[in-house]
Amino acid sequence: MSNIKFNRDPLDIYIDNKRVMRRPEIMRLLSVSRSTLHRWIKSGIFPKPAFKQGGIALWHKQDYDDWMAQHRR
């Protein structure tokens, strides 16, 4: 029998939700190209990055999760 932990520590969940995701990870998870992601952001389909750091767009994981929950219908 495996040692899978089903009840996650609330701190682990909090830290996971507060992490940031870069554009390549978003593109991979959505299976879209860079131009499609840009088009979705520009048209308001996908949320804008939470912030940019040194020209790198960053999204909060929670924002991505919230968007996915709304679009998985």
N, C-alpha and C. Protein backbone atom coordinates (compact mmCIF):
# COMPACT_ATOMS: atom_id res chain seq x y z
N MET A 1 0.84 -1.18 0.00
CA MET A 1 0.00 0.00 0.00
C MET A 1 0.89 1.24 0.00
N SER A 2 0.50 2.25 -0.74
CA SER A 2 1.34 3.45 -0.86
C SER A 2 1.13 4.40 0.31
N ASN A 3 2.05 5.31 0.44
CA ASN A 3 2.00 6.31 1.50
C ASN A 3 1.43 7.63 1.00
N ILE A 4 0.35 7.61 0.25
CA ILE A 4 -0.25 8.82 -0.29
C ILE A 4 -0.97 9.56 0.83
N LYS A 5 -0.68 10.86 0.92
CA LYS A 5 -1.29 11.69 1.95
C LYS A 5 -2.49 12.40 1.33
N PHE A 6 -3.69 12.02 1.75
CA PHE A 6 -4.90 12.58 1.18
C PHE A 6 -5.29 13.90 1.82
N ASN A 7 -5.03 14.06 3.08
CA ASN A 7 -5.37 15.31 3.77
C ASN A 7 -4.14 16.19 3.77
N ARG A 8 -4.17 17.22 2.92
CA ARG A 8 -3.02 18.12 2.82
C ARG A 8 -3.03 19.11 3.96
N ASP A 9 -1.85 19.46 4.39
CA ASP A 9 -1.67 20.47 5.41
C ASP A 9 -2.18 21.82 4.88
N PRO A 10 -2.99 22.55 5.64
CA PRO A 10 -3.49 23.84 5.18
C PRO A 10 -2.38 24.81 4.77
N LEU A 11 -1.25 24.75 5.43
CA LEU A 11 -0.13 25.62 5.06
C LEU A 11 0.39 25.27 3.67
N ASP A 12 0.47 23.97 3.36
CA ASP A 12 0.89 23.55 2.01
C ASP A 12 -0.07 24.06 0.95
N ILE A 13 -1.35 23.98 1.22
CA ILE A 13 -2.36 24.46 0.27
C ILE A 13 -2.22 25.96 0.09
N TYR A 14 -2.03 26.69 1.19
CA TYR A 14 -1.88 28.15 1.12
C TYR A 14 -0.66 28.53 0.29
N ILE A 15 0.45 27.89 0.56
CA ILE A 15 1.69 28.18 -0.17
C ILE A 15 1.51 27.85 -1.64
N ASP A 16 0.89 26.72 -1.96
CA ASP A 16 0.68 26.33 -3.35
C ASP A 16 -0.18 27.36 -4.07
N ASN A 17 -1.24 27.84 -3.43
CA ASN A 17 -2.14 28.80 -4.05
C ASN A 17 -1.50 30.18 -4.21
N LYS A 18 -0.50 30.50 -3.41
CA LYS A 18 0.14 31.81 -3.48
C LYS A 18 1.34 31.84 -4.42
N ARG A 19 1.73 30.72 -4.96
CA ARG A 19 2.89 30.71 -5.85
C ARG A 19 2.54 31.40 -7.16
N VAL A 20 3.54 31.78 -7.92
CA VAL A 20 3.32 32.44 -9.19
C VAL A 20 3.72 31.51 -10.34
N MET A 21 3.09 31.74 -11.48
CA MET A 21 3.32 30.91 -12.66
C MET A 21 3.77 31.81 -13.80
N ARG A 22 4.76 31.36 -14.55
CA ARG A 22 5.25 32.11 -15.70
C ARG A 22 4.48 31.70 -16.96
N ARG A 23 4.63 32.51 -18.00
CA ARG A 23 3.91 32.30 -19.26
C ARG A 23 4.08 30.88 -19.83
N PRO A 24 5.30 30.31 -19.87
CA PRO A 24 5.43 28.95 -20.44
C PRO A 24 4.60 27.90 -19.69
N GLU A 25 4.52 28.03 -18.38
CA GLU A 25 3.72 27.07 -17.61
C GLU A 25 2.24 27.24 -17.92
N ILE A 26 1.77 28.48 -18.00
CA ILE A 26 0.37 28.75 -18.35
C ILE A 26 0.06 28.17 -19.73
N MET A 27 0.94 28.42 -20.69
CA MET A 27 0.73 27.93 -22.05
C MET A 27 0.68 26.40 -22.08
N ARG A 28 1.56 25.77 -21.32
CA ARG A 28 1.59 24.30 -21.28
C ARG A 28 0.31 23.74 -20.67
N LEU A 29 -0.13 24.33 -19.56
CA LEU A 29 -1.34 23.84 -18.88
C LEU A 29 -2.59 24.05 -19.72
N LEU A 30 -2.64 25.14 -20.48
CA LEU A 30 -3.80 25.42 -21.33
C LEU A 30 -3.69 24.79 -22.72
N SER A 31 -2.50 24.29 -23.05
CA SER A 31 -2.23 23.73 -24.38
C SER A 31 -2.52 24.74 -25.48
N VAL A 32 -2.01 25.96 -25.29
CA VAL A 32 -2.18 27.02 -26.28
C VAL A 32 -0.83 27.63 -26.62
N SER A 33 -0.78 28.28 -27.77
CA SER A 33 0.45 28.95 -28.19
C SER A 33 0.56 30.31 -27.49
N ARG A 34 1.73 30.90 -27.63
CA ARG A 34 1.97 32.23 -27.06
C ARG A 34 1.02 33.25 -27.67
N SER A 35 0.80 33.17 -28.99
CA SER A 35 -0.08 34.14 -29.64
C SER A 35 -1.53 33.97 -29.20
N THR A 36 -1.97 32.72 -29.01
CA THR A 36 -3.34 32.49 -28.53
C THR A 36 -3.51 33.03 -27.13
N LEU A 37 -2.54 32.78 -26.26
CA LEU A 37 -2.62 33.30 -24.90
C LEU A 37 -2.68 34.83 -24.92
N HIS A 38 -1.84 35.45 -25.73
CA HIS A 38 -1.84 36.91 -25.85
C HIS A 38 -3.20 37.42 -26.34
N ARG A 39 -3.77 36.74 -27.32
CA ARG A 39 -5.07 37.12 -27.86
C ARG A 39 -6.16 36.99 -26.79
N TRP A 40 -6.12 35.91 -26.01
CA TRP A 40 -7.10 35.70 -24.94
C TRP A 40 -6.99 36.81 -23.88
N ILE A 41 -5.75 37.18 -23.54
CA ILE A 41 -5.55 38.23 -22.54
C ILE A 41 -6.07 39.56 -23.08
N LYS A 42 -5.72 39.87 -24.31
CA LYS A 42 -6.12 41.14 -24.92
C LYS A 42 -7.64 41.26 -25.03
N SER A 43 -8.32 40.15 -25.32
CA SER A 43 -9.77 40.18 -25.47
C SER A 43 -10.52 39.97 -24.15
N GLY A 44 -9.79 39.72 -23.07
CA GLY A 44 -10.42 39.55 -21.76
C GLY A 44 -10.87 38.14 -21.46
N ILE A 45 -10.54 37.20 -22.32
CA ILE A 45 -10.91 35.80 -22.08
C ILE A 45 -10.11 35.22 -20.92
N PHE A 46 -8.83 35.53 -20.88
CA PHE A 46 -7.95 35.05 -19.80
C PHE A 46 -7.45 36.26 -19.03
N PRO A 47 -7.27 36.13 -17.71
CA PRO A 47 -6.84 37.29 -16.90
C PRO A 47 -5.44 37.78 -17.26
N LYS A 48 -5.26 39.08 -17.11
CA LYS A 48 -3.94 39.68 -17.31
C LYS A 48 -3.00 39.18 -16.22
N PRO A 49 -1.70 39.22 -16.47
CA PRO A 49 -0.75 38.83 -15.42
C PRO A 49 -0.95 39.66 -14.16
N ALA A 50 -0.73 39.04 -13.02
CA ALA A 50 -0.87 39.75 -11.75
C ALA A 50 0.17 40.86 -11.66
N PHE A 51 1.36 40.58 -12.20
CA PHE A 51 2.41 41.59 -12.22
C PHE A 51 3.50 41.15 -13.19
N LYS A 52 4.36 42.08 -13.52
CA LYS A 52 5.51 41.78 -14.37
C LYS A 52 6.76 42.12 -13.59
N GLN A 53 7.72 41.24 -13.69
CA GLN A 53 8.98 41.42 -12.97
C GLN A 53 10.12 41.27 -13.99
N GLY A 54 10.79 42.37 -14.27
CA GLY A 54 11.87 42.33 -15.24
C GLY A 54 11.40 41.93 -16.62
N GLY A 55 10.19 42.32 -16.99
CA GLY A 55 9.63 41.98 -18.29
C GLY A 55 9.03 40.59 -18.37
N ILE A 56 9.00 39.86 -17.27
CA ILE A 56 8.44 38.51 -17.23
C ILE A 56 7.05 38.58 -16.62
N ALA A 57 6.05 38.12 -17.37
CA ALA A 57 4.67 38.10 -16.89
C ALA A 57 4.48 36.96 -15.90
N LEU A 58 3.82 37.29 -14.78
CA LEU A 58 3.59 36.31 -13.71
C LEU A 58 2.12 36.33 -13.28
N TRP A 59 1.55 35.15 -13.16
CA TRP A 59 0.17 35.00 -12.69
C TRP A 59 0.20 34.28 -11.35
N HIS A 60 -0.75 34.62 -10.48
CA HIS A 60 -0.94 33.86 -9.24
C HIS A 60 -1.62 32.54 -9.61
N LYS A 61 -1.18 31.46 -9.01
CA LYS A 61 -1.78 30.15 -9.29
C LYS A 61 -3.27 30.17 -8.98
N GLN A 62 -3.65 30.88 -7.92
CA GLN A 62 -5.07 30.95 -7.55
C GLN A 62 -5.90 31.60 -8.66
N ASP A 63 -5.35 32.60 -9.33
CA ASP A 63 -6.07 33.24 -10.45
C ASP A 63 -6.28 32.24 -11.59
N TYR A 64 -5.26 31.46 -11.87
CA TYR A 64 -5.37 30.41 -12.89
C TYR A 64 -6.43 29.38 -12.48
N ASP A 65 -6.36 28.91 -11.23
CA ASP A 65 -7.32 27.92 -10.74
C ASP A 65 -8.75 28.45 -10.81
N ASP A 66 -8.94 29.71 -10.42
CA ASP A 66 -10.28 30.32 -10.48
C ASP A 66 -10.80 30.38 -11.91
N TRP A 67 -9.92 30.76 -12.85
CA TRP A 67 -10.31 30.84 -14.25
C TRP A 67 -10.69 29.46 -14.77
N MET A 68 -9.89 28.46 -14.43
CA MET A 68 -10.18 27.10 -14.87
C MET A 68 -11.52 26.61 -14.33
N ALA A 69 -11.80 26.92 -13.06
CA ALA A 69 -13.06 26.50 -12.46
C ALA A 69 -14.26 27.10 -13.19
N GLN A 70 -14.11 28.33 -13.66
CA GLN A 70 -15.20 28.99 -14.38
C GLN A 70 -15.37 28.46 -15.79
N HIS A 71 -14.32 27.93 -16.38
CA HIS A 71 -14.38 27.52 -17.79
C HIS A 71 -14.41 26.01 -18.00
N ARG A 72 -14.59 25.25 -16.96
CA ARG A 72 -14.68 23.79 -17.08
C ARG A 72 -16.13 23.32 -17.01
N ARG A 73 -16.97 23.94 -17.75
CA ARG A 73 -18.40 23.57 -17.68
C ARG A 73 -18.82 22.81 -18.87
